[in-house]
Amino acid sequence: MKLLAVLGSIAVVLAGAALSLYPPEWVLALAGAGLAYGALSPLLYARRLLFMAGAAPHAALAAASIGAALGAWGLDSVLAGLVLGLSFIYTAGYAVYRGVDPDTAASLLAGFTASLGVAGLYFASSLGIQVSGIIIGDPLLASRLEAVTVAVLGLITLLILARAGDVMAYIGVDRDDAALSGARVLVYDITLYTLIALLTVGLIRIVGFILEHVLLLIPGALILPLSRGARTSTLAGGLVGLSAGLGGLLLGGAAGLPPAAVSGLILMAGYSLVLLGGARSG
């Protein structure tokens, strides 16, 4: 609880500073993204789905680029991309559910969607569609509706994982025992992979391909040595991601650097401190 109190205090101070200096849309977009990805990150470690988390943005990139190209033909580009991305990640998740090694399923997902993504980006650019924003992203360009959507999605993700994250994590430890104890393994798996898909495919145009990797993979590595229990790890991860997003906004604005880049550097600096503290105590 002391860890959560410290992280919560840091998040409140950063939020107050950010709101006093920048438009609320910027603060909501970065805070929501950090909260969502940070809350999910520890569970990805517990479920041994890190490779899948690294592959998911590739699926999102492929889906978004193909969706953008389909948009030039009159279809809803966002909806088309979301449907494609969900189908990619559901397929990989179903393979894991049926017993395929998670790393193998993620490798196939990454390889297939990386190739498809290159083709989609080329095709979209040939139609005159600006594709750089899909790769880099810019939360500072989010509209008010988009910013509020990201913030709400972050809160929903945090609430779902705080409620069900312990069972989801235990499924990764002993799937058979979890099923025998009455847990609806398929339902929990569908929920987990839906969150992964929505947070990567649904937010790639706002957050960007690069920042998705950073916020999905680093907070869990930073938090797990400091926390015990799925719920505490979820809450702590969400607060770390939120603080990194807001810290990136504040420091990036002061230094004239992209918030996404600074957020990643903040998380790596935090992980280095945790690693150094562990080495000293050892």
C-alpha atoms as a PDB file:
ATOM      1  CA  MET A   1       0.000   0.000   0.000  1.00  0.00           C
ATOM      2  CA  LYS A   2       2.931   2.338   0.633  1.00  0.00           C
ATOM      3  CA  LEU A   3       4.052   1.822  -2.966  1.00  0.00           C
ATOM      4  CA  LEU A   4       0.601   2.741  -4.276  1.00  0.00           C
ATOM      5  CA  ALA A   5       0.468   5.813  -2.045  1.00  0.00           C
ATOM      6  CA  VAL A   6       3.830   7.052  -3.333  1.00  0.00           C
ATOM      7  CA  LEU A   7       2.962   6.388  -6.964  1.00  0.00           C
ATOM      8  CA  GLY A   8      -0.473   7.961  -6.535  1.00  0.00           C
ATOM      9  CA  SER A   9       1.042  11.099  -5.036  1.00  0.00           C
ATOM     10  CA  ILE A  10       3.497  11.394  -7.919  1.00  0.00           C
ATOM     11  CA  ALA A  11       0.691  10.952 -10.449  1.00  0.00           C
ATOM     12  CA  VAL A  12      -1.464  13.645  -8.787  1.00  0.00           C
ATOM     13  CA  VAL A  13       1.410  16.153  -8.733  1.00  0.00           C
ATOM     14  CA  LEU A  14       2.275  15.483 -12.375  1.00  0.00           C
ATOM     15  CA  ALA A  15      -1.384  15.722 -13.429  1.00  0.00           C
ATOM     16  CA  GLY A  16      -1.773  19.059 -11.665  1.00  0.00           C
ATOM     17  CA  ALA A  17       1.381  20.437 -13.261  1.00  0.00           C
ATOM     18  CA  ALA A  18       0.406  19.188 -16.716  1.00  0.00           C
ATOM     19  CA  LEU A  19      -3.125  20.622 -16.506  1.00  0.00           C
ATOM     20  CA  SER A  20      -1.734  24.003 -15.469  1.00  0.00           C
ATOM     21  CA  LEU A  21       0.541  24.152 -18.518  1.00  0.00           C
ATOM     22  CA  TYR A  22      -1.139  22.246 -21.341  1.00  0.00           C
ATOM     23  CA  PRO A  23      -4.593  21.704 -22.866  1.00  0.00           C
ATOM     24  CA  PRO A  24      -6.669  19.030 -21.118  1.00  0.00           C
ATOM     25  CA  GLU A  25      -6.830  16.994 -24.354  1.00  0.00           C
ATOM     26  CA  TRP A  26      -3.066  16.442 -24.238  1.00  0.00           C
ATOM     27  CA  VAL A  27      -3.165  15.446 -20.580  1.00  0.00           C
ATOM     28  CA  LEU A  28      -6.116  13.066 -21.002  1.00  0.00           C
ATOM     29  CA  ALA A  29      -4.633  11.351 -24.058  1.00  0.00           C
ATOM     30  CA  LEU A  30      -1.241  10.679 -22.484  1.00  0.00           C
ATOM     31  CA  ALA A  31      -2.619   9.857 -19.038  1.00  0.00           C
ATOM     32  CA  GLY A  32      -5.224   7.474 -20.452  1.00  0.00           C
ATOM     33  CA  ALA A  33      -2.734   5.671 -22.666  1.00  0.00           C
ATOM     34  CA  GLY A  34      -0.236   5.335 -19.846  1.00  0.00           C
ATOM     35  CA  LEU A  35      -2.902   4.095 -17.450  1.00  0.00           C
ATOM     36  CA  ALA A  36      -4.223   1.462 -19.857  1.00  0.00           C
ATOM     37  CA  TYR A  37      -0.901   0.064 -21.044  1.00  0.00           C
ATOM     38  CA  GLY A  38       0.727   0.309 -17.631  1.00  0.00           C
ATOM     39  CA  ALA A  39      -2.115  -1.636 -15.979  1.00  0.00           C
ATOM     40  CA  LEU A  40      -1.915  -4.350 -18.638  1.00  0.00           C
ATOM     41  CA  SER A  41       1.869  -4.689 -18.617  1.00  0.00           C
ATOM     42  CA  PRO A  42       2.315  -6.676 -15.343  1.00  0.00           C
ATOM     43  CA  LEU A  43      -0.339  -9.182 -16.437  1.00  0.00           C
ATOM     44  CA  LEU A  44       1.521  -9.743 -19.710  1.00  0.00           C
ATOM     45  CA  TYR A  45       4.569 -10.723 -17.667  1.00  0.00           C
ATOM     46  CA  ALA A  46       2.506 -13.017 -15.461  1.00  0.00           C
ATOM     47  CA  ARG A  47       0.922 -14.715 -18.483  1.00  0.00           C
ATOM     48  CA  ARG A  48       4.259 -15.007 -20.320  1.00  0.00           C
ATOM     49  CA  LEU A  49       2.815 -13.016 -23.197  1.00  0.00           C
ATOM     50  CA  LEU A  50       5.615 -10.502 -23.659  1.00  0.00           C
ATOM     51  CA  PHE A  51       6.366 -11.689 -27.162  1.00  0.00           C
ATOM     52  CA  MET A  52       2.656 -11.469 -27.948  1.00  0.00           C
ATOM     53  CA  ALA A  53       2.603  -7.921 -26.570  1.00  0.00           C
ATOM     54  CA  GLY A  54       5.528  -7.065 -28.823  1.00  0.00           C
ATOM     55  CA  ALA A  55       3.756  -8.617 -31.806  1.00  0.00           C
ATOM     56  CA  ALA A  56       0.405  -6.918 -31.158  1.00  0.00           C
ATOM     57  CA  PRO A  57       1.545  -3.452 -32.347  1.00  0.00           C
ATOM     58  CA  HIS A  58       2.710  -5.096 -35.586  1.00  0.00           C
ATOM     59  CA  ALA A  59      -0.805  -6.475 -36.010  1.00  0.00           C
ATOM     60  CA  ALA A  60      -2.176  -3.022 -35.214  1.00  0.00           C
ATOM     61  CA  LEU A  61       0.123  -1.415 -37.791  1.00  0.00           C
ATOM     62  CA  ALA A  62      -0.953  -3.881 -40.483  1.00  0.00           C
ATOM     63  CA  ALA A  63      -4.629  -3.455 -39.623  1.00  0.00           C
ATOM     64  CA  ALA A  64      -4.459   0.343 -39.517  1.00  0.00           C
ATOM     65  CA  SER A  65      -2.551   0.640 -42.800  1.00  0.00           C
ATOM     66  CA  ILE A  66      -4.900  -1.720 -44.640  1.00  0.00           C
ATOM     67  CA  GLY A  67      -7.883   0.015 -43.032  1.00  0.00           C
ATOM     68  CA  ALA A  68      -6.560   3.368 -44.262  1.00  0.00           C
ATOM     69  CA  ALA A  69      -6.276   1.989 -47.792  1.00  0.00           C
ATOM     70  CA  LEU A  70      -9.800   0.570 -47.610  1.00  0.00           C
ATOM     71  CA  GLY A  71     -10.973   3.981 -46.428  1.00  0.00           C
ATOM     72  CA  ALA A  72      -9.915   5.398 -49.792  1.00  0.00           C
ATOM     73  CA  TRP A  73     -12.494   3.055 -51.341  1.00  0.00           C
ATOM     74  CA  GLY A  74     -15.332   4.366 -49.208  1.00  0.00           C
ATOM     75  CA  LEU A  75     -15.179   2.043 -46.213  1.00  0.00           C
ATOM     76  CA  ASP A  76     -14.845   3.245 -42.629  1.00  0.00           C
ATOM     77  CA  SER A  77     -11.072   3.052 -42.158  1.00  0.00           C
ATOM     78  CA  VAL A  78     -11.192   2.912 -38.351  1.00  0.00           C
ATOM     79  CA  LEU A  79     -13.829   0.175 -38.238  1.00  0.00           C
ATOM     80  CA  ALA A  80     -12.094  -1.836 -40.975  1.00  0.00           C
ATOM     81  CA  GLY A  81      -8.769  -1.606 -39.148  1.00  0.00           C
ATOM     82  CA  LEU A  82     -10.344  -2.599 -35.841  1.00  0.00           C
ATOM     83  CA  VAL A  83     -12.047  -5.646 -37.343  1.00  0.00           C
ATOM     84  CA  LEU A  84      -8.819  -6.752 -39.033  1.00  0.00           C
ATOM     85  CA  GLY A  85      -6.744  -6.212 -35.910  1.00  0.00           C
ATOM     86  CA  LEU A  86      -9.180  -8.080 -33.696  1.00  0.00           C
ATOM     87  CA  SER A  87      -9.182 -11.009 -36.126  1.00  0.00           C
ATOM     88  CA  PHE A  88      -5.362 -11.145 -36.153  1.00  0.00           C
ATOM     89  CA  ILE A  89      -5.010 -11.134 -32.368  1.00  0.00           C
ATOM     90  CA  TYR A  90      -8.005 -13.406 -31.727  1.00  0.00           C
ATOM     91  CA  THR A  91      -6.478 -15.953 -34.101  1.00  0.00           C
ATOM     92  CA  ALA A  92      -3.170 -15.897 -32.223  1.00  0.00           C
ATOM     93  CA  GLY A  93      -4.982 -16.045 -28.882  1.00  0.00           C
ATOM     94  CA  TYR A  94      -7.073 -18.996 -29.994  1.00  0.00           C
ATOM     95  CA  ALA A  95      -3.914 -20.823 -31.047  1.00  0.00           C
ATOM     96  CA  VAL A  96      -2.510 -20.314 -27.538  1.00  0.00           C
ATOM     97  CA  TYR A  97      -5.804 -21.449 -26.015  1.00  0.00           C
ATOM     98  CA  ARG A  98      -5.610 -24.658 -28.051  1.00  0.00           C
ATOM     99  CA  GLY A  99      -2.136 -25.413 -26.745  1.00  0.00           C
ATOM    100  CA  VAL A 100       0.247 -23.729 -29.173  1.00  0.00           C
ATOM    101  CA  ASP A 101       3.300 -22.297 -27.406  1.00  0.00           C
ATOM    102  CA  PRO A 102       2.704 -18.546 -26.833  1.00  0.00           C
ATOM    103  CA  ASP A 103       6.083 -17.628 -28.317  1.00  0.00           C
ATOM    104  CA  THR A 104       5.358 -19.668 -31.433  1.00  0.00           C
ATOM    105  CA  ALA A 105       1.936 -18.075 -31.875  1.00  0.00           C
ATOM    106  CA  ALA A 106       3.414 -14.612 -31.325  1.00  0.00           C
ATOM    107  CA  SER A 107       6.246 -15.308 -33.774  1.00  0.00           C
ATOM    108  CA  LEU A 108       3.763 -16.276 -36.469  1.00  0.00           C
ATOM    109  CA  LEU A 109       1.640 -13.225 -35.685  1.00  0.00           C
ATOM    110  CA  ALA A 110       4.623 -10.874 -35.800  1.00  0.00           C
ATOM    111  CA  GLY A 111       6.059 -12.341 -38.987  1.00  0.00           C
ATOM    112  CA  PHE A 112       2.776 -12.400 -40.861  1.00  0.00           C
ATOM    113  CA  THR A 113       1.526  -8.974 -39.796  1.00  0.00           C
ATOM    114  CA  ALA A 114       4.939  -7.311 -40.226  1.00  0.00           C
ATOM    115  CA  SER A 115       4.977  -8.437 -43.854  1.00  0.00           C
ATOM    116  CA  LEU A 116       1.345  -7.482 -44.282  1.00  0.00           C
ATOM    117  CA  GLY A 117       1.994  -4.138 -42.619  1.00  0.00           C
ATOM    118  CA  VAL A 118       4.778  -3.236 -45.049  1.00  0.00           C
ATOM    119  CA  ALA A 119       2.492  -4.103 -47.949  1.00  0.00           C
ATOM    120  CA  GLY A 120      -0.361  -2.120 -46.398  1.00  0.00           C
ATOM    121  CA  LEU A 121       1.804   0.954 -45.777  1.00  0.00           C
ATOM    122  CA  TYR A 122       3.118   0.838 -49.347  1.00  0.00           C
ATOM    123  CA  PHE A 123      -0.360   0.441 -50.773  1.00  0.00           C
ATOM    124  CA  ALA A 124      -1.778   3.241 -48.609  1.00  0.00           C
ATOM    125  CA  SER A 125       1.060   5.625 -49.506  1.00  0.00           C
ATOM    126  CA  SER A 126       0.571   4.848 -53.199  1.00  0.00           C
ATOM    127  CA  LEU A 127      -2.999   6.128 -52.795  1.00  0.00           C
ATOM    128  CA  GLY A 128      -1.672   9.387 -51.357  1.00  0.00           C
ATOM    129  CA  ILE A 129      -2.546   8.555 -47.744  1.00  0.00           C
ATOM    130  CA  GLN A 130      -0.252   9.952 -45.043  1.00  0.00           C
ATOM    131  CA  VAL A 131       1.057   6.884 -43.185  1.00  0.00           C
ATOM    132  CA  SER A 132       3.763   8.386 -40.967  1.00  0.00           C
ATOM    133  CA  GLY A 133       1.228   9.222 -38.259  1.00  0.00           C
ATOM    134  CA  ILE A 134       0.322   5.542 -37.919  1.00  0.00           C
ATOM    135  CA  ILE A 135       3.932   4.700 -37.122  1.00  0.00           C
ATOM    136  CA  ILE A 136       4.912   7.678 -34.994  1.00  0.00           C
ATOM    137  CA  GLY A 137       1.554   8.771 -33.641  1.00  0.00           C
ATOM    138  CA  ASP A 138       1.019  12.013 -31.792  1.00  0.00           C
ATOM    139  CA  PRO A 139      -1.228  12.136 -28.715  1.00  0.00           C
ATOM    140  CA  LEU A 140      -0.948  15.925 -28.854  1.00  0.00           C
ATOM    141  CA  LEU A 141      -3.042  15.935 -32.028  1.00  0.00           C
ATOM    142  CA  ALA A 142      -5.910  13.990 -30.444  1.00  0.00           C
ATOM    143  CA  SER A 143      -9.298  15.656 -30.596  1.00  0.00           C
ATOM    144  CA  ARG A 144     -11.313  16.208 -27.439  1.00  0.00           C
ATOM    145  CA  LEU A 145     -13.456  13.159 -28.210  1.00  0.00           C
ATOM    146  CA  GLU A 146     -10.394  10.998 -28.875  1.00  0.00           C
ATOM    147  CA  ALA A 147      -8.681  12.175 -25.693  1.00  0.00           C
ATOM    148  CA  VAL A 148     -11.748  11.448 -23.572  1.00  0.00           C
ATOM    149  CA  THR A 149     -12.102   8.042 -25.256  1.00  0.00           C
ATOM    150  CA  VAL A 150      -8.497   7.148 -24.429  1.00  0.00           C
ATOM    151  CA  ALA A 151      -8.935   8.265 -20.818  1.00  0.00           C
ATOM    152  CA  VAL A 152     -12.166   6.281 -20.407  1.00  0.00           C
ATOM    153  CA  LEU A 153     -10.568   3.215 -21.991  1.00  0.00           C
ATOM    154  CA  GLY A 154      -7.670   3.537 -19.572  1.00  0.00           C
ATOM    155  CA  LEU A 155     -10.013   3.606 -16.581  1.00  0.00           C
ATOM    156  CA  ILE A 156     -12.056   0.671 -17.880  1.00  0.00           C
ATOM    157  CA  THR A 157      -8.890  -1.365 -18.436  1.00  0.00           C
ATOM    158  CA  LEU A 158      -7.688  -0.613 -14.927  1.00  0.00           C
ATOM    159  CA  LEU A 159     -11.037  -1.596 -13.385  1.00  0.00           C
ATOM    160  CA  ILE A 160     -11.313  -4.845 -15.363  1.00  0.00           C
ATOM    161  CA  LEU A 161      -7.784  -5.954 -14.517  1.00  0.00           C
ATOM    162  CA  ALA A 162      -8.067  -4.919 -10.871  1.00  0.00           C
ATOM    163  CA  ARG A 163     -11.176  -7.088 -10.672  1.00  0.00           C
ATOM    164  CA  ALA A 164     -10.146 -10.095 -12.764  1.00  0.00           C
ATOM    165  CA  GLY A 165      -6.372  -9.817 -13.070  1.00  0.00           C
ATOM    166  CA  ASP A 166      -5.646 -12.304 -10.279  1.00  0.00           C
ATOM    167  CA  VAL A 167      -7.584 -15.074 -12.055  1.00  0.00           C
ATOM    168  CA  MET A 168      -6.050 -14.145 -15.413  1.00  0.00           C
ATOM    169  CA  ALA A 169      -2.583 -14.327 -13.891  1.00  0.00           C
ATOM    170  CA  TYR A 170      -3.278 -17.690 -12.233  1.00  0.00           C
ATOM    171  CA  ILE A 171      -4.432 -19.126 -15.556  1.00  0.00           C
ATOM    172  CA  GLY A 172      -0.924 -18.414 -16.811  1.00  0.00           C
ATOM    173  CA  VAL A 173       0.567 -20.290 -13.848  1.00  0.00           C
ATOM    174  CA  ASP A 174      -1.668 -23.385 -13.881  1.00  0.00           C
ATOM    175  CA  ARG A 175      -4.338 -23.384 -16.577  1.00  0.00           C
ATOM    176  CA  ASP A 176      -5.650 -26.866 -15.736  1.00  0.00           C
ATOM    177  CA  ASP A 177      -6.065 -26.128 -12.036  1.00  0.00           C
ATOM    178  CA  ALA A 178      -7.760 -22.818 -12.826  1.00  0.00           C
ATOM    179  CA  ALA A 179     -10.251 -24.649 -15.056  1.00  0.00           C
ATOM    180  CA  LEU A 180     -10.839 -27.359 -12.454  1.00  0.00           C
ATOM    181  CA  SER A 181     -11.483 -24.720  -9.782  1.00  0.00           C
ATOM    182  CA  GLY A 182     -14.342 -23.332 -11.874  1.00  0.00           C
ATOM    183  CA  ALA A 183     -12.705 -20.400 -13.636  1.00  0.00           C
ATOM    184  CA  ARG A 184     -14.120 -19.740 -17.091  1.00  0.00           C
ATOM    185  CA  VAL A 185     -10.763 -19.862 -18.781  1.00  0.00           C
ATOM    186  CA  LEU A 186     -12.079 -19.124 -22.259  1.00  0.00           C
ATOM    187  CA  VAL A 187     -13.976 -16.048 -21.065  1.00  0.00           C
ATOM    188  CA  TYR A 188     -10.925 -14.684 -19.277  1.00  0.00           C
ATOM    189  CA  ASP A 189      -8.737 -15.363 -22.303  1.00  0.00           C
ATOM    190  CA  ILE A 190     -11.177 -13.618 -24.637  1.00  0.00           C
ATOM    191  CA  THR A 191     -11.260 -10.635 -22.279  1.00  0.00           C
ATOM    192  CA  LEU A 192      -7.471 -10.452 -22.153  1.00  0.00           C
ATOM    193  CA  TYR A 193      -6.960 -10.678 -25.905  1.00  0.00           C
ATOM    194  CA  THR A 194      -9.781  -8.199 -26.523  1.00  0.00           C
ATOM    195  CA  LEU A 195      -8.019  -5.691 -24.276  1.00  0.00           C
ATOM    196  CA  ILE A 196      -4.728  -6.274 -26.087  1.00  0.00           C
ATOM    197  CA  ALA A 197      -6.426  -5.772 -29.446  1.00  0.00           C
ATOM    198  CA  LEU A 198      -8.389  -2.680 -28.456  1.00  0.00           C
ATOM    199  CA  LEU A 199      -5.415  -0.994 -26.814  1.00  0.00           C
ATOM    200  CA  THR A 200      -3.107  -1.606 -29.752  1.00  0.00           C
ATOM    201  CA  VAL A 201      -5.354  -1.478 -32.825  1.00  0.00           C
ATOM    202  CA  GLY A 202      -7.827   1.036 -31.457  1.00  0.00           C
ATOM    203  CA  LEU A 203      -5.222   3.515 -30.213  1.00  0.00           C
ATOM    204  CA  ILE A 204      -2.404   3.205 -32.742  1.00  0.00           C
ATOM    205  CA  ARG A 205      -3.388   6.376 -34.624  1.00  0.00           C
ATOM    206  CA  ILE A 206      -3.290   8.350 -31.366  1.00  0.00           C
ATOM    207  CA  VAL A 207      -0.481   6.671 -29.442  1.00  0.00           C
ATOM    208  CA  GLY A 208       1.648   5.404 -32.319  1.00  0.00           C
ATOM    209  CA  PHE A 209       3.474   2.157 -33.047  1.00  0.00           C
ATOM    210  CA  ILE A 210       6.583   3.111 -31.057  1.00  0.00           C
ATOM    211  CA  LEU A 211       4.975   4.288 -27.821  1.00  0.00           C
ATOM    212  CA  GLU A 212       2.719   1.222 -27.717  1.00  0.00           C
ATOM    213  CA  HIS A 213       5.803  -0.981 -27.433  1.00  0.00           C
ATOM    214  CA  VAL A 214       7.282   1.194 -24.701  1.00  0.00           C
ATOM    215  CA  LEU A 215       4.171   1.382 -22.528  1.00  0.00           C
ATOM    216  CA  LEU A 216       3.251  -2.283 -22.935  1.00  0.00           C
ATOM    217  CA  LEU A 217       6.637  -3.783 -22.150  1.00  0.00           C
ATOM    218  CA  ILE A 218       8.505  -1.632 -19.624  1.00  0.00           C
ATOM    219  CA  PRO A 219       6.073  -0.852 -16.738  1.00  0.00           C
ATOM    220  CA  GLY A 220       5.691  -4.526 -15.812  1.00  0.00           C
ATOM    221  CA  ALA A 221       9.453  -5.017 -15.606  1.00  0.00           C
ATOM    222  CA  LEU A 222       9.688  -1.969 -13.370  1.00  0.00           C
ATOM    223  CA  ILE A 223       6.791  -2.833 -11.048  1.00  0.00           C
ATOM    224  CA  LEU A 224       6.981  -6.588 -10.505  1.00  0.00           C
ATOM    225  CA  PRO A 225      10.160  -6.524  -8.351  1.00  0.00           C
ATOM    226  CA  LEU A 226       8.453  -3.974  -6.074  1.00  0.00           C
ATOM    227  CA  SER A 227       4.917  -5.338  -5.727  1.00  0.00           C
ATOM    228  CA  ARG A 228       3.119  -8.463  -4.561  1.00  0.00           C
ATOM    229  CA  GLY A 229      -0.265  -9.628  -5.784  1.00  0.00           C
ATOM    230  CA  ALA A 230      -2.033  -9.164  -9.102  1.00  0.00           C
ATOM    231  CA  ARG A 231      -4.249  -6.290  -7.964  1.00  0.00           C
ATOM    232  CA  THR A 232      -1.391  -4.291  -6.473  1.00  0.00           C
ATOM    233  CA  SER A 233       0.733  -4.879  -9.561  1.00  0.00           C
ATOM    234  CA  THR A 234      -2.129  -3.765 -11.817  1.00  0.00           C
ATOM    235  CA  LEU A 235      -2.731  -0.554  -9.889  1.00  0.00           C
ATOM    236  CA  ALA A 236       0.984   0.180  -9.560  1.00  0.00           C
ATOM    237  CA  GLY A 237       1.581  -0.498 -13.246  1.00  0.00           C
ATOM    238  CA  GLY A 238      -1.255   1.830 -14.197  1.00  0.00           C
ATOM    239  CA  LEU A 239       0.126   4.603 -11.999  1.00  0.00           C
ATOM    240  CA  VAL A 240       3.635   4.115 -13.392  1.00  0.00           C
ATOM    241  CA  GLY A 241       2.357   4.280 -16.970  1.00  0.00           C
ATOM    242  CA  LEU A 242       0.244   7.340 -16.181  1.00  0.00           C
ATOM    243  CA  SER A 243       3.195   9.087 -14.507  1.00  0.00           C
ATOM    244  CA  ALA A 244       5.491   8.242 -17.410  1.00  0.00           C
ATOM    245  CA  GLY A 245       2.998   9.673 -19.903  1.00  0.00           C
ATOM    246  CA  LEU A 246       2.544  12.905 -17.949  1.00  0.00           C
ATOM    247  CA  GLY A 247       6.248  13.151 -17.167  1.00  0.00           C
ATOM    248  CA  GLY A 248       6.977  12.739 -20.859  1.00  0.00           C
ATOM    249  CA  LEU A 249       4.592  15.586 -21.624  1.00  0.00           C
ATOM    250  CA  LEU A 250       6.177  17.914 -19.055  1.00  0.00           C
ATOM    251  CA  LEU A 251       9.831  17.119 -19.757  1.00  0.00           C
ATOM    252  CA  GLY A 252       9.278  16.788 -23.489  1.00  0.00           C
ATOM    253  CA  GLY A 253       7.606  20.184 -23.605  1.00  0.00           C
ATOM    254  CA  ALA A 254      10.452  21.751 -21.656  1.00  0.00           C
ATOM    255  CA  ALA A 255      13.146  20.141 -23.808  1.00  0.00           C
ATOM    256  CA  GLY A 256      11.355  20.390 -27.137  1.00  0.00           C
ATOM    257  CA  LEU A 257      11.212  16.609 -27.554  1.00  0.00           C
ATOM    258  CA  PRO A 258       8.297  14.284 -28.419  1.00  0.00           C
ATOM    259  CA  PRO A 259       6.461  13.140 -25.255  1.00  0.00           C
ATOM    260  CA  ALA A 260       6.484   9.542 -26.530  1.00  0.00           C
ATOM    261  CA  ALA A 261      10.269   9.474 -26.651  1.00  0.00           C
ATOM    262  CA  VAL A 262      10.667  11.076 -23.234  1.00  0.00           C
ATOM    263  CA  SER A 263       8.104   8.719 -21.674  1.00  0.00           C
ATOM    264  CA  GLY A 264      10.184   5.752 -22.775  1.00  0.00           C
ATOM    265  CA  LEU A 265      13.346   7.289 -21.368  1.00  0.00           C
ATOM    266  CA  ILE A 266      11.603   7.973 -18.045  1.00  0.00           C
ATOM    267  CA  LEU A 267      10.492   4.341 -17.794  1.00  0.00           C
ATOM    268  CA  MET A 268      13.961   3.052 -18.611  1.00  0.00           C
ATOM    269  CA  ALA A 269      15.467   5.387 -16.018  1.00  0.00           C
ATOM    270  CA  GLY A 270      12.966   4.086 -13.455  1.00  0.00           C
ATOM    271  CA  TYR A 271      13.772   0.483 -14.317  1.00  0.00           C
ATOM    272  CA  SER A 272      17.500   1.201 -14.013  1.00  0.00           C
ATOM    273  CA  LEU A 273      16.939   2.598 -10.528  1.00  0.00           C
ATOM    274  CA  VAL A 274      14.931  -0.483  -9.521  1.00  0.00           C
ATOM    275  CA  LEU A 275      17.628  -2.734 -10.954  1.00  0.00           C
ATOM    276  CA  LEU A 276      20.371  -0.806  -9.176  1.00  0.00           C
ATOM    277  CA  GLY A 277      18.459  -0.899  -5.894  1.00  0.00           C
ATOM    278  CA  GLY A 278      18.003  -4.664  -6.226  1.00  0.00           C
ATOM    279  CA  ALA A 279      21.694  -5.155  -6.924  1.00  0.00           C
ATOM    280  CA  ARG A 280      22.664  -3.136  -3.860  1.00  0.00           C
ATOM    281  CA  SER A 281      20.255  -4.977  -1.579  1.00  0.00           C
ATOM    282  CA  GLY A 282      21.548  -8.263  -2.930  1.00  0.00           C
END
